[in-house]
C-alpha atoms as a PDB file:
ATOM      1  CA  UNK A   1      39.187 -32.404  71.901  1.00  0.00           C
ATOM      2  CA  UNK A   2      41.775 -31.529  69.260  1.00  0.00           C
ATOM      3  CA  UNK A   3      41.619 -28.066  67.799  1.00  0.00           C
ATOM      4  CA  UNK A   4      42.491 -27.611  64.162  1.00  0.00           C
ATOM      5  CA  UNK A   5      44.222 -24.438  63.367  1.00  0.00           C
ATOM      6  CA  UNK A   6      43.533 -22.673  60.119  1.00  0.00           C
ATOM      7  CA  UNK A   7      46.406 -21.562  58.006  1.00  0.00           C
ATOM      8  CA  UNK A   8      46.839 -17.812  57.644  1.00  0.00           C
ATOM      9  CA  UNK A   9      45.653 -17.524  53.931  1.00  0.00           C
ATOM     10  CA  UNK A  10      42.630 -19.740  54.512  1.00  0.00           C
ATOM     11  CA  UNK A  11      41.694 -17.862  57.635  1.00  0.00           C
ATOM     12  CA  UNK A  12      41.865 -14.588  55.740  1.00  0.00           C
ATOM     13  CA  UNK A  13      39.551 -15.961  53.051  1.00  0.00           C
ATOM     14  CA  UNK A  14      36.968 -17.075  55.602  1.00  0.00           C
ATOM     15  CA  UNK A  15      37.051 -13.702  57.297  1.00  0.00           C
ATOM     16  CA  UNK A  16      36.512 -11.847  53.970  1.00  0.00           C
ATOM     17  CA  UNK A  17      33.584 -14.073  52.982  1.00  0.00           C
ATOM     18  CA  UNK A  18      31.975 -13.608  56.355  1.00  0.00           C
ATOM     19  CA  UNK A  19      32.366  -9.854  56.016  1.00  0.00           C
ATOM     20  CA  UNK A  20      30.707  -9.869  52.576  1.00  0.00           C
ATOM     21  CA  UNK A  21      27.760 -11.896  53.856  1.00  0.00           C
ATOM     22  CA  UNK A  22      27.349  -9.651  56.860  1.00  0.00           C
ATOM     23  CA  UNK A  23      27.555  -6.553  54.693  1.00  0.00           C
ATOM     24  CA  UNK A  24      24.928  -7.833  52.241  1.00  0.00           C
ATOM     25  CA  UNK A  25      22.521  -8.626  55.065  1.00  0.00           C
ATOM     26  CA  UNK A  26      23.058  -5.591  57.287  1.00  0.00           C
ATOM     27  CA  UNK A  27      23.857  -2.824  54.815  1.00  0.00           C
ATOM     28  CA  UNK A  28      21.999  -3.961  51.686  1.00  0.00           C
ATOM     29  CA  UNK A  29      19.422  -6.627  52.510  1.00  0.00           C
ATOM     30  CA  UNK A  30      17.835  -6.234  49.037  1.00  0.00           C
ATOM     31  CA  UNK A  31      20.857  -7.947  47.466  1.00  0.00           C
ATOM     32  CA  UNK A  32      20.003 -11.226  49.094  1.00  0.00           C
ATOM     33  CA  UNK A  33      16.352 -10.852  48.116  1.00  0.00           C
ATOM     34  CA  UNK A  34      17.184 -10.281  44.446  1.00  0.00           C
ATOM     35  CA  UNK A  35      18.329 -13.869  43.875  1.00  0.00           C
ATOM     36  CA  UNK A  36      15.829 -16.489  42.674  1.00  0.00           C
ATOM     37  CA  UNK A  37      15.816 -20.218  42.958  1.00  0.00           C
ATOM     38  CA  UNK A  38      15.720 -22.186  39.673  1.00  0.00           C
ATOM     39  CA  UNK A  39      12.044 -23.008  40.335  1.00  0.00           C
ATOM     40  CA  UNK A  40      11.139 -19.342  40.893  1.00  0.00           C
ATOM     41  CA  UNK A  41      13.092 -18.237  37.830  1.00  0.00           C
ATOM     42  CA  UNK A  42      11.253 -20.733  35.601  1.00  0.00           C
ATOM     43  CA  UNK A  43       7.935 -19.150  36.650  1.00  0.00           C
ATOM     44  CA  UNK A  44       9.030 -15.573  35.985  1.00  0.00           C
ATOM     45  CA  UNK A  45      11.104 -15.842  32.814  1.00  0.00           C
ATOM     46  CA  UNK A  46      10.579 -17.682  29.540  1.00  0.00           C
ATOM     47  CA  UNK A  47      13.271 -19.648  27.829  1.00  0.00           C
ATOM     48  CA  UNK A  48      14.520 -18.812  24.349  1.00  0.00           C
ATOM     49  CA  UNK A  49      12.555 -21.736  22.938  1.00  0.00           C
ATOM     50  CA  UNK A  50       9.352 -20.577  24.580  1.00  0.00           C
ATOM     51  CA  UNK A  51       9.912 -16.959  23.554  1.00  0.00           C
ATOM     52  CA  UNK A  52      10.150 -17.953  19.879  1.00  0.00           C
ATOM     53  CA  UNK A  53       6.627 -19.373  20.092  1.00  0.00           C
ATOM     54  CA  UNK A  54       5.177 -16.443  22.046  1.00  0.00           C
ATOM     55  CA  UNK A  55       3.559 -13.325  20.600  1.00  0.00           C
ATOM     56  CA  UNK A  56       3.354 -10.084  22.550  1.00  0.00           C
ATOM     57  CA  UNK A  57       0.585  -7.518  22.385  1.00  0.00           C
ATOM     58  CA  UNK A  58       1.314  -3.806  22.037  1.00  0.00           C
ATOM     59  CA  UNK A  59       0.268  -3.183  25.652  1.00  0.00           C
ATOM     60  CA  UNK A  60       3.408  -4.821  26.994  1.00  0.00           C
ATOM     61  CA  UNK A  61       5.402  -7.942  27.575  1.00  0.00           C
ATOM     62  CA  UNK A  62       3.105  -9.073  30.380  1.00  0.00           C
ATOM     63  CA  UNK A  63       0.362 -10.041  27.944  1.00  0.00           C
ATOM     64  CA  UNK A  64       0.689 -12.934  25.554  1.00  0.00           C
ATOM     65  CA  UNK A  65      -1.279 -14.093  22.516  1.00  0.00           C
ATOM     66  CA  UNK A  66      -1.536 -17.462  20.925  1.00  0.00           C
ATOM     67  CA  UNK A  67      -0.409 -17.843  17.310  1.00  0.00           C
ATOM     68  CA  UNK A  68      -4.028 -17.962  16.108  1.00  0.00           C
ATOM     69  CA  UNK A  69      -5.042 -14.905  18.141  1.00  0.00           C
ATOM     70  CA  UNK A  70      -2.028 -12.949  16.844  1.00  0.00           C
ATOM     71  CA  UNK A  71      -2.901 -13.829  13.230  1.00  0.00           C
ATOM     72  CA  UNK A  72      -6.436 -12.507  13.750  1.00  0.00           C
ATOM     73  CA  UNK A  73      -5.244  -9.356  15.529  1.00  0.00           C
ATOM     74  CA  UNK A  74      -2.334  -8.140  13.419  1.00  0.00           C
ATOM     75  CA  UNK A  75      -2.080  -7.815   9.659  1.00  0.00           C
ATOM     76  CA  UNK A  76       0.490 -10.083   8.100  1.00  0.00           C
ATOM     77  CA  UNK A  77       3.190  -8.510   5.944  1.00  0.00           C
ATOM     78  CA  UNK A  78       1.800 -10.198   2.828  1.00  0.00           C
ATOM     79  CA  UNK A  79      -1.679  -8.789   3.504  1.00  0.00           C
ATOM     80  CA  UNK A  80      -0.678  -5.202   4.292  1.00  0.00           C
ATOM     81  CA  UNK A  81      -1.773  -2.502   1.869  1.00  0.00           C
ATOM     82  CA  UNK A  82       0.846  -1.605  -0.717  1.00  0.00           C
ATOM     83  CA  UNK A  83       1.614   2.041  -1.550  1.00  0.00           C
ATOM     84  CA  UNK A  84      -0.137   3.395  -4.670  1.00  0.00           C
ATOM     85  CA  UNK A  85       1.691   4.357  -7.851  1.00  0.00           C
ATOM     86  CA  UNK A  86       0.908   7.821  -9.266  1.00  0.00           C
ATOM     87  CA  UNK A  87       1.658   9.349 -12.662  1.00  0.00           C
ATOM     88  CA  UNK A  88       0.561  12.772 -13.948  1.00  0.00           C
ATOM     89  CA  UNK A  89       0.836  14.955 -17.044  1.00  0.00           C
ATOM     90  CA  UNK A  90      -0.508  18.417 -17.932  1.00  0.00           C
ATOM     91  CA  UNK A  91      -0.339  21.088 -20.621  1.00  0.00           C
ATOM     92  CA  UNK A  92      -1.562  24.611 -21.427  1.00  0.00           C
ATOM     93  CA  UNK A  93      -0.850  24.335 -25.163  1.00  0.00           C
ATOM     94  CA  UNK A  94      -3.921  24.901 -27.343  1.00  0.00           C
ATOM     95  CA  UNK A  95      -5.087  21.843 -29.260  1.00  0.00           C
ATOM     96  CA  UNK A  96      -7.637  22.501 -32.007  1.00  0.00           C
ATOM     97  CA  UNK A  97      -9.092  20.061 -34.535  1.00  0.00           C
ATOM     98  CA  UNK A  98     -12.051  19.783 -36.890  1.00  0.00           C
ATOM     99  CA  UNK A  99     -12.076  16.211 -38.082  1.00  0.00           C
ATOM    100  CA  UNK A 100     -14.223  13.108 -38.070  1.00  0.00           C
ATOM    101  CA  UNK A 101     -11.172  10.876 -37.688  1.00  0.00           C
ATOM    102  CA  UNK A 102      -9.403  10.199 -34.416  1.00  0.00           C
ATOM    103  CA  UNK A 103      -5.943  11.417 -33.454  1.00  0.00           C
ATOM    104  CA  UNK A 104      -3.707  11.594 -30.393  1.00  0.00           C
ATOM    105  CA  UNK A 105      -3.627  14.807 -28.396  1.00  0.00           C
ATOM    106  CA  UNK A 106       0.050  15.889 -28.379  1.00  0.00           C
ATOM    107  CA  UNK A 107       1.914  15.200 -25.101  1.00  0.00           C
ATOM    108  CA  UNK A 108      -1.286  13.867 -23.487  1.00  0.00           C
ATOM    109  CA  UNK A 109       0.300  10.689 -22.175  1.00  0.00           C
ATOM    110  CA  UNK A 110       2.116   9.351 -19.117  1.00  0.00           C
ATOM    111  CA  UNK A 111       3.893   6.143 -18.100  1.00  0.00           C
ATOM    112  CA  UNK A 112       4.208   4.159 -14.886  1.00  0.00           C
ATOM    113  CA  UNK A 113       5.097   0.683 -13.644  1.00  0.00           C
ATOM    114  CA  UNK A 114       3.629  -1.682 -11.079  1.00  0.00           C
ATOM    115  CA  UNK A 115       5.421  -4.517  -9.259  1.00  0.00           C
ATOM    116  CA  UNK A 116       2.288  -6.339  -8.141  1.00  0.00           C
ATOM    117  CA  UNK A 117       0.709  -9.078 -10.239  1.00  0.00           C
ATOM    118  CA  UNK A 118      -2.643  -7.246 -10.158  1.00  0.00           C
ATOM    119  CA  UNK A 119      -3.323  -3.509  -9.781  1.00  0.00           C
ATOM    120  CA  UNK A 120      -6.575  -1.558  -9.943  1.00  0.00           C
ATOM    121  CA  UNK A 121      -6.108   1.711 -11.800  1.00  0.00           C
ATOM    122  CA  UNK A 122      -8.083   4.967 -11.767  1.00  0.00           C
ATOM    123  CA  UNK A 123      -7.663   7.189 -14.851  1.00  0.00           C
ATOM    124  CA  UNK A 124      -8.751  10.829 -14.713  1.00  0.00           C
ATOM    125  CA  UNK A 125      -8.656  13.276 -17.619  1.00  0.00           C
ATOM    126  CA  UNK A 126      -9.810  16.858 -17.153  1.00  0.00           C
ATOM    127  CA  UNK A 127      -9.570  19.864 -19.429  1.00  0.00           C
ATOM    128  CA  UNK A 128     -10.937  23.276 -20.438  1.00  0.00           C
ATOM    129  CA  UNK A 129     -12.574  22.543 -23.797  1.00  0.00           C
ATOM    130  CA  UNK A 130     -15.100  23.900 -26.255  1.00  0.00           C
ATOM    131  CA  UNK A 131     -17.018  22.007 -28.946  1.00  0.00           C
ATOM    132  CA  UNK A 132     -18.785  24.129 -31.548  1.00  0.00           C
ATOM    133  CA  UNK A 133     -20.693  23.686 -34.811  1.00  0.00           C
ATOM    134  CA  UNK A 134     -19.756  26.513 -37.205  1.00  0.00           C
ATOM    135  CA  UNK A 135     -22.239  25.504 -39.899  1.00  0.00           C
ATOM    136  CA  UNK A 136     -25.511  25.413 -37.992  1.00  0.00           C
ATOM    137  CA  UNK A 137     -27.006  25.434 -34.560  1.00  0.00           C
ATOM    138  CA  UNK A 138     -25.828  22.341 -32.663  1.00  0.00           C
ATOM    139  CA  UNK A 139     -28.282  19.650 -31.681  1.00  0.00           C
ATOM    140  CA  UNK A 140     -28.466  17.860 -28.331  1.00  0.00           C
ATOM    141  CA  UNK A 141     -26.908  14.699 -29.741  1.00  0.00           C
ATOM    142  CA  UNK A 142     -23.700  16.403 -30.880  1.00  0.00           C
ATOM    143  CA  UNK A 143     -20.525  16.382 -28.805  1.00  0.00           C
ATOM    144  CA  UNK A 144     -16.755  16.043 -29.047  1.00  0.00           C
ATOM    145  CA  UNK A 145     -15.576  12.644 -27.788  1.00  0.00           C
ATOM    146  CA  UNK A 146     -12.244  11.369 -26.507  1.00  0.00           C
ATOM    147  CA  UNK A 147     -10.811   7.902 -25.821  1.00  0.00           C
ATOM    148  CA  UNK A 148      -8.457   6.837 -23.035  1.00  0.00           C
ATOM    149  CA  UNK A 149      -6.003   4.153 -24.107  1.00  0.00           C
ATOM    150  CA  UNK A 150      -3.743   1.986 -21.943  1.00  0.00           C
ATOM    151  CA  UNK A 151      -0.894   0.262 -23.761  1.00  0.00           C
ATOM    152  CA  UNK A 152      -2.565   1.119 -27.062  1.00  0.00           C
ATOM    153  CA  UNK A 153      -5.920  -0.427 -26.140  1.00  0.00           C
ATOM    154  CA  UNK A 154      -9.048   1.608 -25.403  1.00  0.00           C
ATOM    155  CA  UNK A 155     -10.206   1.270 -21.811  1.00  0.00           C
ATOM    156  CA  UNK A 156     -13.773   1.778 -23.034  1.00  0.00           C
ATOM    157  CA  UNK A 157     -15.565   3.087 -26.100  1.00  0.00           C
ATOM    158  CA  UNK A 158     -15.188   6.762 -26.951  1.00  0.00           C
ATOM    159  CA  UNK A 159     -16.729   9.025 -24.342  1.00  0.00           C
ATOM    160  CA  UNK A 160     -18.508  12.323 -25.023  1.00  0.00           C
ATOM    161  CA  UNK A 161     -16.179  14.859 -23.452  1.00  0.00           C
ATOM    162  CA  UNK A 162     -17.699  18.256 -24.318  1.00  0.00           C
ATOM    163  CA  UNK A 163     -21.241  18.910 -25.607  1.00  0.00           C
ATOM    164  CA  UNK A 164     -21.626  20.999 -28.758  1.00  0.00           C
ATOM    165  CA  UNK A 165     -22.495  24.692 -28.352  1.00  0.00           C
ATOM    166  CA  UNK A 166     -22.974  27.684 -30.631  1.00  0.00           C
ATOM    167  CA  UNK A 167     -19.907  28.890 -32.523  1.00  0.00           C
ATOM    168  CA  UNK A 168     -19.875  32.416 -31.144  1.00  0.00           C
ATOM    169  CA  UNK A 169     -18.155  35.391 -32.676  1.00  0.00           C
ATOM    170  CA  UNK A 170     -14.676  36.837 -32.714  1.00  0.00           C
ATOM    171  CA  UNK A 171     -15.632  39.239 -29.956  1.00  0.00           C
ATOM    172  CA  UNK A 172     -17.593  36.644 -27.992  1.00  0.00           C
ATOM    173  CA  UNK A 173     -16.111  33.195 -28.662  1.00  0.00           C
ATOM    174  CA  UNK A 174     -17.599  30.055 -27.189  1.00  0.00           C
ATOM    175  CA  UNK A 175     -16.576  29.533 -23.594  1.00  0.00           C
ATOM    176  CA  UNK A 176     -14.128  26.754 -22.752  1.00  0.00           C
ATOM    177  CA  UNK A 177     -15.680  24.869 -19.863  1.00  0.00           C
ATOM    178  CA  UNK A 178     -14.045  22.338 -17.563  1.00  0.00           C
ATOM    179  CA  UNK A 179     -14.948  18.720 -18.341  1.00  0.00           C
ATOM    180  CA  UNK A 180     -13.742  15.582 -16.571  1.00  0.00           C
ATOM    181  CA  UNK A 181     -13.760  11.868 -17.361  1.00  0.00           C
ATOM    182  CA  UNK A 182     -12.917   9.130 -14.840  1.00  0.00           C
ATOM    183  CA  UNK A 183     -12.404   5.510 -15.895  1.00  0.00           C
ATOM    184  CA  UNK A 184     -11.076   2.418 -14.144  1.00  0.00           C
ATOM    185  CA  UNK A 185      -9.264  -0.711 -15.256  1.00  0.00           C
ATOM    186  CA  UNK A 186      -7.168  -3.615 -13.959  1.00  0.00           C
ATOM    187  CA  UNK A 187      -3.545  -4.084 -15.036  1.00  0.00           C
ATOM    188  CA  UNK A 188      -0.844  -6.682 -14.539  1.00  0.00           C
ATOM    189  CA  UNK A 189       2.767  -6.409 -13.471  1.00  0.00           C
ATOM    190  CA  UNK A 190       5.116  -4.270 -15.575  1.00  0.00           C
ATOM    191  CA  UNK A 191       5.305  -0.908 -17.332  1.00  0.00           C
ATOM    192  CA  UNK A 192       2.236   0.800 -18.798  1.00  0.00           C
ATOM    193  CA  UNK A 193       1.469   3.883 -20.894  1.00  0.00           C
ATOM    194  CA  UNK A 194      -1.735   5.932 -20.840  1.00  0.00           C
ATOM    195  CA  UNK A 195      -2.658   8.088 -23.848  1.00  0.00           C
ATOM    196  CA  UNK A 196      -5.530  10.435 -24.645  1.00  0.00           C
ATOM    197  CA  UNK A 197      -7.019  10.439 -28.131  1.00  0.00           C
ATOM    198  CA  UNK A 198      -9.555  12.775 -29.669  1.00  0.00           C
ATOM    199  CA  UNK A 199     -12.096  10.408 -31.210  1.00  0.00           C
ATOM    200  CA  UNK A 200     -13.292  12.824 -33.919  1.00  0.00           C
ATOM    201  CA  UNK A 201     -16.715  14.303 -34.741  1.00  0.00           C
ATOM    202  CA  UNK A 202     -18.053  15.355 -38.128  1.00  0.00           C
ATOM    203  CA  UNK A 203     -18.575  19.109 -38.591  1.00  0.00           C
ATOM    204  CA  UNK A 204     -17.497  20.092 -35.054  1.00  0.00           C
ATOM    205  CA  UNK A 205     -14.613  22.279 -33.957  1.00  0.00           C
ATOM    206  CA  UNK A 206     -12.868  20.890 -30.904  1.00  0.00           C
ATOM    207  CA  UNK A 207     -10.575  23.120 -28.872  1.00  0.00           C
ATOM    208  CA  UNK A 208      -8.678  22.016 -25.775  1.00  0.00           C
ATOM    209  CA  UNK A 209      -7.031  24.985 -24.070  1.00  0.00           C
ATOM    210  CA  UNK A 210      -5.565  23.110 -21.088  1.00  0.00           C
ATOM    211  CA  UNK A 211      -5.726  19.630 -19.646  1.00  0.00           C
ATOM    212  CA  UNK A 212      -4.605  17.394 -16.769  1.00  0.00           C
ATOM    213  CA  UNK A 213      -4.061  13.643 -16.820  1.00  0.00           C
ATOM    214  CA  UNK A 214      -3.761  11.712 -13.542  1.00  0.00           C
ATOM    215  CA  UNK A 215      -3.214   7.989 -13.071  1.00  0.00           C
ATOM    216  CA  UNK A 216      -3.496   6.234  -9.717  1.00  0.00           C
ATOM    217  CA  UNK A 217      -2.563   2.548  -9.598  1.00  0.00           C
ATOM    218  CA  UNK A 218      -3.317   0.547  -6.466  1.00  0.00           C
ATOM    219  CA  UNK A 219      -1.265  -2.692  -6.315  1.00  0.00           C
ATOM    220  CA  UNK A 220      -3.140  -5.553  -4.724  1.00  0.00           C
ATOM    221  CA  UNK A 221      -1.308  -7.541  -2.058  1.00  0.00           C
ATOM    222  CA  UNK A 222      -0.839 -11.183  -2.883  1.00  0.00           C
ATOM    223  CA  UNK A 223      -2.733 -13.617  -0.698  1.00  0.00           C
ATOM    224  CA  UNK A 224      -0.598 -15.541   1.753  1.00  0.00           C
ATOM    225  CA  UNK A 225      -0.326 -19.224   0.986  1.00  0.00           C
ATOM    226  CA  UNK A 226      -2.069 -21.464   3.477  1.00  0.00           C
ATOM    227  CA  UNK A 227       0.229 -23.482   5.707  1.00  0.00           C
ATOM    228  CA  UNK A 228       0.170 -27.200   4.905  1.00  0.00           C
ATOM    229  CA  UNK A 229      -1.671 -29.305   7.442  1.00  0.00           C
ATOM    230  CA  UNK A 230      -0.844 -32.844   8.407  1.00  0.00           C
ATOM    231  CA  UNK A 231      -3.376 -35.394   9.535  1.00  0.00           C
ATOM    232  CA  UNK A 232      -2.971 -38.765  11.177  1.00  0.00           C
ATOM    233  CA  UNK A 233      -4.922 -41.618   9.572  1.00  0.00           C
ATOM    234  CA  UNK A 234      -7.653 -42.861  11.857  1.00  0.00           C
ATOM    235  CA  UNK A 235      -7.149 -46.220  13.450  1.00  0.00           C
ATOM    236  CA  UNK A 236      -3.346 -46.228  13.176  1.00  0.00           C
ATOM    237  CA  UNK A 237      -0.793 -46.189  15.944  1.00  0.00           C
ATOM    238  CA  UNK A 238      -2.774 -48.333  18.403  1.00  0.00           C
ATOM    239  CA  UNK A 239      -1.315 -51.247  20.291  1.00  0.00           C
ATOM    240  CA  UNK A 240      -2.990 -54.617  20.229  1.00  0.00           C
END
């Protein structure tokens, strides 16, 4: 039998490879166990194409949801609640008027803007006010009304803000009690202005010692458009 001799460089390479294999088996056997066959790897890891169609739950990557289950579990970005828009105004300047005609209360206004197509708005006006009849004792049907306007239009008809009371004297004037009105409306996209108007009352003295105006607009999220569906006509595609 003829013996083939290995050249010196090739023999050195074989010896080094044999040493590496021996070292991985004897010193660190876990190295050999960490390699997977292509079949094993396909069962443990997902491809990039599969991952793009897979949805993970919050509990971890070991749990998967179908597209339908994920849509029913998590809120879509289009359906998430939008942050509210708030605007406020206030004053401690005395406003006093005895008139049957209406007029704006100075500085009792505020402006805001909404980006959503539809927003529900809550309007709150509160103030320390007195409403007195200096000529005679007030009756139960007398009061001092106000009107809340948005973009120059009344949200509703004038509202009785403070009921009429006795006039009082210089030493004991009529008390200014806290009164509050809350109204709601629906507004579209864009800028808006809210104003407070004293609606006027014949023979009554209206005094507003302080007031607060608060506007809270809640933009409504737009509904997500339904994905188009395709259907195959029945009876087509068959072979005769």
